[in-house]
């Protein structure tokens, strides 16, 4: 059995790697911080729950243990609330992790096979881009950047 959901294995290796780099939440952040809730939701969108040996389809499914558990807490009502709280306290997050999360959100926002999840992650990606005063990449730009084609990567580095 593979820990990645089947659809993820069809992505270019670079896109799979980006998702995996965002799997672990940042160190030094309290366990109840909204970013921890978002990380559980992120994991549910591309990983298989080790305890349950299945995809946890919704954010509130009670299974998943502490690593992939329900995406709510005493402080966070649901994933939409977690998104809002993350944007409000985004300056508390290490920038390195923030970029991992933003790129994972971009991939999920363009590539997740389920419409609800794809749209949710696309909204989150666009909010993160706006939060950083950046311009969003189009799907075509992302595909070129994360395409497993060495020449595309080298052209961006020049």
N, C-alpha and C. Protein backbone atom coordinates (compact mmCIF):
# COMPACT_ATOMS: atom_id res chain seq x y z
N UNK A 1 0.85 -1.18 0.00
CA UNK A 1 0.00 0.00 0.00
C UNK A 1 0.89 1.24 0.00
N UNK A 2 0.44 2.25 -0.68
CA UNK A 2 1.15 3.51 -0.79
C UNK A 2 0.48 4.54 0.12
N UNK A 3 1.25 5.41 0.74
CA UNK A 3 0.68 6.45 1.60
C UNK A 3 0.02 7.56 0.78
N UNK A 4 0.40 7.71 -0.47
CA UNK A 4 -0.19 8.72 -1.34
C UNK A 4 -1.48 8.22 -1.97
N UNK A 5 -2.46 9.10 -2.05
CA UNK A 5 -3.68 8.75 -2.77
C UNK A 5 -3.33 8.50 -4.24
N UNK A 6 -4.08 7.65 -4.89
CA UNK A 6 -3.76 7.24 -6.26
C UNK A 6 -3.57 8.42 -7.21
N UNK A 7 -4.43 9.42 -7.12
CA UNK A 7 -4.35 10.53 -8.06
C UNK A 7 -3.02 11.27 -7.95
N UNK A 8 -2.42 11.28 -6.76
CA UNK A 8 -1.16 12.00 -6.55
C UNK A 8 -0.03 11.35 -7.33
N UNK A 9 -0.06 10.03 -7.43
CA UNK A 9 1.02 9.31 -8.12
C UNK A 9 1.03 9.58 -9.62
N UNK A 10 -0.03 10.20 -10.13
CA UNK A 10 -0.08 10.55 -11.54
C UNK A 10 0.50 11.94 -11.81
N UNK A 11 0.79 12.69 -10.75
CA UNK A 11 1.40 14.02 -10.89
C UNK A 11 2.88 13.88 -11.24
N UNK A 12 3.46 14.92 -11.84
CA UNK A 12 4.92 14.92 -12.01
C UNK A 12 5.60 14.76 -10.65
N UNK A 13 6.77 14.18 -10.64
CA UNK A 13 7.49 13.95 -9.39
C UNK A 13 7.76 15.24 -8.62
N UNK A 14 8.03 16.32 -9.33
CA UNK A 14 8.28 17.59 -8.64
C UNK A 14 7.03 18.05 -7.89
N UNK A 15 5.85 17.86 -8.46
CA UNK A 15 4.63 18.26 -7.78
C UNK A 15 4.38 17.36 -6.57
N UNK A 16 4.64 16.08 -6.70
CA UNK A 16 4.51 15.18 -5.55
C UNK A 16 5.45 15.62 -4.43
N UNK A 17 6.66 15.99 -4.78
CA UNK A 17 7.64 16.42 -3.80
C UNK A 17 7.19 17.68 -3.07
N UNK A 18 6.63 18.62 -3.82
CA UNK A 18 6.13 19.85 -3.19
C UNK A 18 5.05 19.52 -2.16
N UNK A 19 4.14 18.63 -2.51
CA UNK A 19 3.11 18.24 -1.54
C UNK A 19 3.74 17.64 -0.30
N UNK A 20 4.71 16.78 -0.49
CA UNK A 20 5.33 16.12 0.66
C UNK A 20 6.11 17.09 1.54
N UNK A 21 6.68 18.14 0.96
CA UNK A 21 7.43 19.10 1.78
C UNK A 21 6.52 19.90 2.71
N UNK A 22 5.24 19.97 2.39
CA UNK A 22 4.29 20.72 3.23
C UNK A 22 3.59 19.82 4.24
N UNK A 23 3.89 18.54 4.23
CA UNK A 23 3.17 17.59 5.08
C UNK A 23 3.36 17.87 6.56
N UNK A 24 4.54 18.24 6.95
CA UNK A 24 4.83 18.46 8.36
C UNK A 24 4.64 19.93 8.70
N UNK A 25 3.86 20.18 9.73
CA UNK A 25 3.61 21.56 10.16
C UNK A 25 4.89 22.18 10.72
N UNK A 26 4.95 23.50 10.80
CA UNK A 26 6.16 24.15 11.29
C UNK A 26 6.42 23.85 12.77
N UNK A 27 7.68 23.76 13.12
CA UNK A 27 8.08 23.60 14.52
C UNK A 27 7.86 24.91 15.27
N UNK A 28 7.73 24.79 16.59
CA UNK A 28 7.66 25.97 17.42
C UNK A 28 6.31 26.65 17.45
N UNK A 29 5.31 26.03 16.86
CA UNK A 29 3.96 26.59 16.83
C UNK A 29 3.09 25.71 17.72
N UNK A 30 2.27 26.35 18.56
CA UNK A 30 1.43 25.57 19.47
C UNK A 30 0.52 24.61 18.71
N UNK A 31 0.20 23.49 19.35
CA UNK A 31 -0.57 22.43 18.71
C UNK A 31 -1.96 22.87 18.28
N UNK A 32 -2.53 23.88 18.94
CA UNK A 32 -3.88 24.34 18.62
C UNK A 32 -3.90 25.49 17.61
N UNK A 33 -2.75 25.87 17.09
CA UNK A 33 -2.68 26.97 16.12
C UNK A 33 -3.44 26.58 14.85
N UNK A 34 -4.09 27.54 14.21
CA UNK A 34 -4.84 27.24 12.97
C UNK A 34 -4.00 26.56 11.89
N UNK A 35 -2.70 26.82 11.83
CA UNK A 35 -1.87 26.17 10.81
C UNK A 35 -1.85 24.66 11.01
N UNK A 36 -1.96 24.20 12.25
CA UNK A 36 -1.99 22.76 12.50
C UNK A 36 -3.29 22.16 11.94
N UNK A 37 -4.39 22.89 12.08
CA UNK A 37 -5.66 22.44 11.50
C UNK A 37 -5.55 22.37 9.98
N UNK A 38 -4.97 23.39 9.37
CA UNK A 38 -4.80 23.40 7.91
C UNK A 38 -3.90 22.25 7.46
N UNK A 39 -2.88 21.93 8.23
CA UNK A 39 -2.00 20.83 7.86
C UNK A 39 -2.73 19.48 7.91
N UNK A 40 -3.61 19.32 8.88
CA UNK A 40 -4.40 18.08 8.92
C UNK A 40 -5.31 18.00 7.70
N UNK A 41 -5.91 19.10 7.31
CA UNK A 41 -6.75 19.14 6.11
C UNK A 41 -5.91 18.86 4.86
N UNK A 42 -4.75 19.48 4.78
CA UNK A 42 -3.84 19.25 3.67
C UNK A 42 -3.52 17.77 3.54
N UNK A 43 -3.14 17.14 4.64
CA UNK A 43 -2.80 15.71 4.62
C UNK A 43 -3.97 14.86 4.15
N UNK A 44 -5.17 15.19 4.61
CA UNK A 44 -6.35 14.43 4.22
C UNK A 44 -6.61 14.53 2.72
N UNK A 45 -6.12 15.58 2.08
CA UNK A 45 -6.38 15.79 0.66
C UNK A 45 -5.43 15.03 -0.26
N UNK A 46 -4.33 14.47 0.26
CA UNK A 46 -3.45 13.72 -0.62
C UNK A 46 -2.82 12.48 0.00
N UNK A 47 -3.01 12.26 1.30
CA UNK A 47 -2.45 11.08 1.94
C UNK A 47 -3.56 10.10 2.33
N UNK A 48 -3.17 8.87 2.57
CA UNK A 48 -4.06 7.84 3.10
C UNK A 48 -3.79 7.74 4.59
N UNK A 49 -4.84 7.71 5.39
CA UNK A 49 -4.69 7.62 6.83
C UNK A 49 -4.06 6.27 7.21
N UNK A 50 -2.93 6.33 7.90
CA UNK A 50 -2.22 5.11 8.28
C UNK A 50 -3.05 4.25 9.24
N UNK A 51 -3.71 4.90 10.20
CA UNK A 51 -4.51 4.15 11.17
C UNK A 51 -5.71 3.48 10.52
N UNK A 52 -6.30 4.17 9.56
CA UNK A 52 -7.58 3.74 9.01
C UNK A 52 -7.47 3.05 7.65
N UNK A 53 -6.29 3.13 7.04
CA UNK A 53 -6.03 2.51 5.75
C UNK A 53 -7.02 2.95 4.67
N UNK A 54 -7.37 4.24 4.73
CA UNK A 54 -8.30 4.77 3.74
C UNK A 54 -8.11 6.28 3.61
N UNK A 55 -8.75 6.84 2.60
CA UNK A 55 -8.80 8.28 2.41
C UNK A 55 -9.86 8.83 3.36
N UNK A 56 -9.52 9.85 4.10
CA UNK A 56 -10.49 10.54 4.95
C UNK A 56 -11.10 11.65 4.10
N UNK A 57 -12.31 11.43 3.65
CA UNK A 57 -12.93 12.27 2.61
C UNK A 57 -13.33 13.66 3.07
N UNK A 58 -13.71 13.80 4.34
CA UNK A 58 -14.20 15.09 4.81
C UNK A 58 -13.27 15.65 5.89
N UNK A 59 -13.39 16.92 6.14
CA UNK A 59 -12.54 17.56 7.15
C UNK A 59 -12.93 17.19 8.57
N UNK A 60 -14.15 16.73 8.77
CA UNK A 60 -14.63 16.47 10.13
C UNK A 60 -14.74 14.99 10.47
N UNK A 61 -14.33 14.11 9.57
CA UNK A 61 -14.31 12.68 9.88
C UNK A 61 -13.51 12.50 11.17
N UNK A 62 -14.06 11.81 12.18
CA UNK A 62 -13.40 11.74 13.49
C UNK A 62 -12.14 10.86 13.52
N UNK A 63 -11.88 10.14 12.46
CA UNK A 63 -10.71 9.26 12.44
C UNK A 63 -9.44 10.04 12.12
N UNK A 64 -8.31 9.34 12.13
CA UNK A 64 -7.06 9.93 11.66
C UNK A 64 -6.02 10.20 12.72
N UNK A 65 -6.35 10.00 13.99
CA UNK A 65 -5.36 10.27 15.03
C UNK A 65 -4.98 11.73 15.09
N UNK A 66 -3.88 12.04 15.74
CA UNK A 66 -3.48 13.45 15.87
C UNK A 66 -2.86 14.00 14.59
N UNK A 67 -2.29 13.14 13.75
CA UNK A 67 -1.62 13.60 12.53
C UNK A 67 -2.62 13.97 11.44
N UNK A 68 -3.72 13.22 11.35
CA UNK A 68 -4.72 13.47 10.31
C UNK A 68 -6.12 13.59 10.89
N UNK A 69 -6.20 13.96 12.16
CA UNK A 69 -7.49 14.03 12.85
C UNK A 69 -8.42 15.08 12.30
N UNK A 70 -9.59 15.21 12.93
CA UNK A 70 -10.59 16.19 12.48
C UNK A 70 -10.01 17.61 12.43
N UNK A 71 -10.49 18.36 11.47
CA UNK A 71 -9.96 19.70 11.21
C UNK A 71 -10.77 20.76 11.94
N UNK A 72 -10.80 20.64 13.25
CA UNK A 72 -11.43 21.62 14.11
C UNK A 72 -10.84 21.48 15.50
N UNK A 73 -11.03 22.50 16.30
CA UNK A 73 -10.54 22.49 17.68
C UNK A 73 -11.40 23.45 18.48
N UNK A 74 -11.06 23.65 19.74
CA UNK A 74 -11.78 24.64 20.53
C UNK A 74 -11.68 26.03 19.92
N UNK A 75 -10.59 26.27 19.20
CA UNK A 75 -10.34 27.59 18.61
C UNK A 75 -10.79 27.68 17.15
N UNK A 76 -10.82 26.54 16.45
CA UNK A 76 -11.09 26.52 15.01
C UNK A 76 -12.37 25.73 14.74
N UNK A 77 -13.38 26.42 14.21
CA UNK A 77 -14.68 25.77 13.96
C UNK A 77 -14.63 24.76 12.82
N UNK A 78 -13.97 25.14 11.73
CA UNK A 78 -13.95 24.30 10.53
C UNK A 78 -12.82 24.80 9.62
N UNK A 79 -12.70 24.19 8.45
CA UNK A 79 -11.58 24.56 7.57
C UNK A 79 -11.68 25.98 7.04
N UNK A 80 -12.89 26.48 6.81
CA UNK A 80 -13.02 27.87 6.36
C UNK A 80 -12.56 28.83 7.44
N UNK A 81 -12.91 28.52 8.67
CA UNK A 81 -12.48 29.34 9.80
C UNK A 81 -10.96 29.26 9.95
N UNK A 82 -10.41 28.07 9.76
CA UNK A 82 -8.95 27.91 9.84
C UNK A 82 -8.26 28.77 8.78
N UNK A 83 -8.84 28.81 7.58
CA UNK A 83 -8.27 29.65 6.52
C UNK A 83 -8.25 31.11 6.95
N UNK A 84 -9.38 31.59 7.45
CA UNK A 84 -9.46 32.99 7.88
C UNK A 84 -8.46 33.29 9.00
N UNK A 85 -8.38 32.39 9.98
CA UNK A 85 -7.46 32.59 11.10
C UNK A 85 -6.00 32.56 10.63
N UNK A 86 -5.69 31.69 9.68
CA UNK A 86 -4.32 31.62 9.17
C UNK A 86 -3.94 32.95 8.52
N UNK A 87 -4.83 33.49 7.72
CA UNK A 87 -4.53 34.77 7.06
C UNK A 87 -4.34 35.87 8.11
N UNK A 88 -5.17 35.86 9.15
CA UNK A 88 -5.06 36.86 10.22
C UNK A 88 -3.74 36.77 10.97
N UNK A 89 -3.22 35.57 11.14
CA UNK A 89 -2.00 35.40 11.95
C UNK A 89 -0.84 34.86 11.11
N UNK A 90 -0.89 35.09 9.81
CA UNK A 90 0.14 34.58 8.92
C UNK A 90 1.55 35.04 9.23
N UNK A 91 1.68 36.20 9.87
CA UNK A 91 3.02 36.69 10.20
C UNK A 91 3.64 35.93 11.36
N UNK A 92 2.91 35.01 11.98
CA UNK A 92 3.46 34.15 13.03
C UNK A 92 4.12 32.90 12.46
N UNK A 93 3.93 32.65 11.18
CA UNK A 93 4.38 31.42 10.55
C UNK A 93 5.76 31.63 9.93
N UNK A 94 6.67 30.68 10.13
CA UNK A 94 7.97 30.79 9.45
C UNK A 94 7.78 30.89 7.94
N UNK A 95 8.45 31.83 7.32
CA UNK A 95 8.28 32.09 5.90
C UNK A 95 8.58 30.86 5.05
N UNK A 96 9.59 30.11 5.43
CA UNK A 96 9.95 28.91 4.67
C UNK A 96 8.76 27.96 4.61
N UNK A 97 8.12 27.69 5.74
CA UNK A 97 6.96 26.81 5.74
C UNK A 97 5.81 27.44 4.97
N UNK A 98 5.60 28.74 5.14
CA UNK A 98 4.51 29.44 4.45
C UNK A 98 4.58 29.19 2.94
N UNK A 99 5.78 29.26 2.38
CA UNK A 99 5.93 29.03 0.94
C UNK A 99 5.66 27.57 0.57
N UNK A 100 6.06 26.64 1.43
CA UNK A 100 5.72 25.23 1.17
C UNK A 100 4.21 25.06 1.13
N UNK A 101 3.52 25.65 2.11
CA UNK A 101 2.07 25.53 2.17
C UNK A 101 1.41 26.20 0.97
N UNK A 102 1.90 27.37 0.58
CA UNK A 102 1.32 28.08 -0.56
C UNK A 102 1.47 27.26 -1.85
N UNK A 103 2.63 26.67 -2.06
CA UNK A 103 2.83 25.88 -3.28
C UNK A 103 2.00 24.59 -3.26
N UNK A 104 1.86 23.98 -2.09
CA UNK A 104 1.00 22.79 -1.99
C UNK A 104 -0.45 23.17 -2.27
N UNK A 105 -0.88 24.32 -1.72
CA UNK A 105 -2.24 24.79 -1.98
C UNK A 105 -2.45 25.04 -3.47
N UNK A 106 -1.44 25.56 -4.13
CA UNK A 106 -1.53 25.81 -5.57
C UNK A 106 -1.74 24.51 -6.33
N UNK A 107 -0.95 23.51 -6.01
CA UNK A 107 -1.08 22.21 -6.70
C UNK A 107 -2.46 21.62 -6.46
N UNK A 108 -2.89 21.59 -5.20
CA UNK A 108 -4.21 21.05 -4.89
C UNK A 108 -5.31 21.88 -5.54
N UNK A 109 -5.10 23.19 -5.61
CA UNK A 109 -6.09 24.07 -6.21
C UNK A 109 -6.22 23.92 -7.71
N UNK A 110 -5.21 23.38 -8.34
CA UNK A 110 -5.28 23.14 -9.78
C UNK A 110 -5.50 21.66 -10.11
N UNK A 111 -5.07 20.74 -9.26
CA UNK A 111 -5.00 19.35 -9.66
C UNK A 111 -5.87 18.36 -8.89
N UNK A 112 -6.41 18.76 -7.73
CA UNK A 112 -7.18 17.78 -6.97
C UNK A 112 -8.38 17.32 -7.80
N UNK A 113 -8.64 16.02 -7.84
CA UNK A 113 -9.73 15.52 -8.68
C UNK A 113 -11.13 15.83 -8.16
N UNK A 114 -11.28 16.14 -6.88
CA UNK A 114 -12.60 16.44 -6.33
C UNK A 114 -12.84 17.95 -6.41
N UNK A 115 -13.95 18.33 -6.99
CA UNK A 115 -14.25 19.73 -7.25
C UNK A 115 -14.23 20.57 -5.98
N UNK A 116 -14.91 20.12 -4.92
CA UNK A 116 -14.95 20.91 -3.69
C UNK A 116 -13.54 21.18 -3.18
N UNK A 117 -12.70 20.16 -3.09
CA UNK A 117 -11.35 20.32 -2.56
C UNK A 117 -10.50 21.18 -3.49
N UNK A 118 -10.62 20.96 -4.79
CA UNK A 118 -9.86 21.77 -5.74
C UNK A 118 -10.23 23.25 -5.59
N UNK A 119 -11.52 23.55 -5.52
CA UNK A 119 -11.94 24.95 -5.38
C UNK A 119 -11.51 25.53 -4.05
N UNK A 120 -11.63 24.75 -2.97
CA UNK A 120 -11.24 25.24 -1.65
C UNK A 120 -9.76 25.61 -1.63
N UNK A 121 -8.92 24.72 -2.15
CA UNK A 121 -7.48 24.98 -2.14
C UNK A 121 -7.11 26.11 -3.09
N UNK A 122 -7.85 26.27 -4.19
CA UNK A 122 -7.56 27.38 -5.09
C UNK A 122 -7.87 28.71 -4.41
N UNK A 123 -8.98 28.78 -3.69
CA UNK A 123 -9.31 30.00 -2.94
C UNK A 123 -8.21 30.29 -1.92
N UNK A 124 -7.78 29.26 -1.20
CA UNK A 124 -6.73 29.45 -0.21
C UNK A 124 -5.44 29.92 -0.87
N UNK A 125 -5.06 29.29 -1.98
CA UNK A 125 -3.86 29.71 -2.71
C UNK A 125 -3.96 31.19 -3.10
N UNK A 126 -5.08 31.60 -3.66
CA UNK A 126 -5.23 32.99 -4.08
C UNK A 126 -5.20 33.95 -2.89
N UNK A 127 -5.73 33.53 -1.76
CA UNK A 127 -5.66 34.37 -0.55
C UNK A 127 -4.22 34.49 -0.05
N UNK A 128 -3.46 33.39 -0.13
CA UNK A 128 -2.05 33.43 0.29
C UNK A 128 -1.25 34.33 -0.64
N UNK A 129 -1.52 34.25 -1.92
CA UNK A 129 -0.84 35.10 -2.90
C UNK A 129 -1.15 36.58 -2.60
N UNK A 130 -2.40 36.87 -2.36
CA UNK A 130 -2.79 38.26 -2.04
C UNK A 130 -2.16 38.71 -0.73
N UNK A 131 -2.13 37.84 0.26
CA UNK A 131 -1.52 38.15 1.55
C UNK A 131 -0.05 38.55 1.37
N UNK A 132 0.63 37.88 0.43
CA UNK A 132 2.04 38.18 0.18
C UNK A 132 2.26 39.26 -0.86
N UNK A 133 1.20 39.90 -1.35
CA UNK A 133 1.29 40.93 -2.39
C UNK A 133 2.02 40.39 -3.62
N UNK A 134 1.64 39.17 -4.01
CA UNK A 134 2.25 38.50 -5.15
C UNK A 134 1.23 38.34 -6.27
N UNK A 135 1.69 37.90 -7.42
CA UNK A 135 0.81 37.56 -8.53
C UNK A 135 0.68 36.04 -8.58
N UNK A 136 -0.53 35.52 -8.77
CA UNK A 136 -0.68 34.07 -8.84
C UNK A 136 -0.12 33.53 -10.15
N UNK A 137 0.38 32.31 -10.08
CA UNK A 137 0.76 31.60 -11.29
C UNK A 137 -0.49 31.03 -11.93
N UNK A 138 -0.49 30.96 -13.25
CA UNK A 138 -1.54 30.21 -13.93
C UNK A 138 -1.20 28.73 -13.79
N UNK A 139 -2.16 27.88 -14.08
CA UNK A 139 -1.88 26.45 -14.03
C UNK A 139 -0.78 26.10 -15.04
N UNK A 140 -0.81 26.74 -16.19
CA UNK A 140 0.21 26.46 -17.21
C UNK A 140 1.61 26.84 -16.72
N UNK A 141 1.72 27.98 -16.04
CA UNK A 141 3.02 28.38 -15.49
C UNK A 141 3.50 27.40 -14.42
N UNK A 142 2.58 26.96 -13.56
CA UNK A 142 2.95 25.99 -12.54
C UNK A 142 3.37 24.68 -13.17
N UNK A 143 2.62 24.23 -14.18
CA UNK A 143 2.95 22.97 -14.86
C UNK A 143 4.34 23.03 -15.48
N UNK A 144 4.67 24.16 -16.06
CA UNK A 144 5.99 24.30 -16.67
C UNK A 144 7.08 24.29 -15.60
N UNK A 145 6.86 25.03 -14.52
CA UNK A 145 7.85 25.12 -13.44
C UNK A 145 8.06 23.79 -12.74
N UNK A 146 6.99 23.03 -12.57
CA UNK A 146 7.05 21.76 -11.82
C UNK A 146 6.75 20.58 -12.74
N UNK A 147 7.44 20.54 -13.88
CA UNK A 147 7.11 19.56 -14.92
C UNK A 147 8.08 18.38 -15.03
N UNK A 148 9.08 18.31 -14.21
CA UNK A 148 10.13 17.28 -14.30
C UNK A 148 10.98 17.43 -15.56
N UNK A 149 10.91 18.60 -16.20
CA UNK A 149 11.72 18.87 -17.39
C UNK A 149 12.86 19.78 -16.96
N UNK A 150 14.07 19.24 -17.00
CA UNK A 150 15.25 19.94 -16.51
C UNK A 150 15.45 21.29 -17.21
N UNK A 151 15.21 21.35 -18.49
CA UNK A 151 15.42 22.59 -19.24
C UNK A 151 14.47 23.70 -18.76
N UNK A 152 13.25 23.35 -18.41
CA UNK A 152 12.31 24.36 -17.88
C UNK A 152 12.83 24.93 -16.58
N UNK A 153 13.34 24.06 -15.71
CA UNK A 153 13.87 24.49 -14.42
C UNK A 153 15.10 25.38 -14.63
N UNK A 154 16.01 24.94 -15.48
CA UNK A 154 17.23 25.71 -15.72
C UNK A 154 16.93 27.07 -16.34
N UNK A 155 15.93 27.16 -17.20
CA UNK A 155 15.57 28.43 -17.83
C UNK A 155 15.09 29.43 -16.77
N UNK A 156 14.41 28.95 -15.74
CA UNK A 156 13.93 29.84 -14.68
C UNK A 156 15.08 30.31 -13.80
N UNK A 157 16.10 29.51 -13.69
CA UNK A 157 17.24 29.83 -12.82
C UNK A 157 18.22 30.80 -13.47
N UNK A 158 18.13 30.95 -14.78
CA UNK A 158 19.08 31.79 -15.52
C UNK A 158 18.86 33.26 -15.27
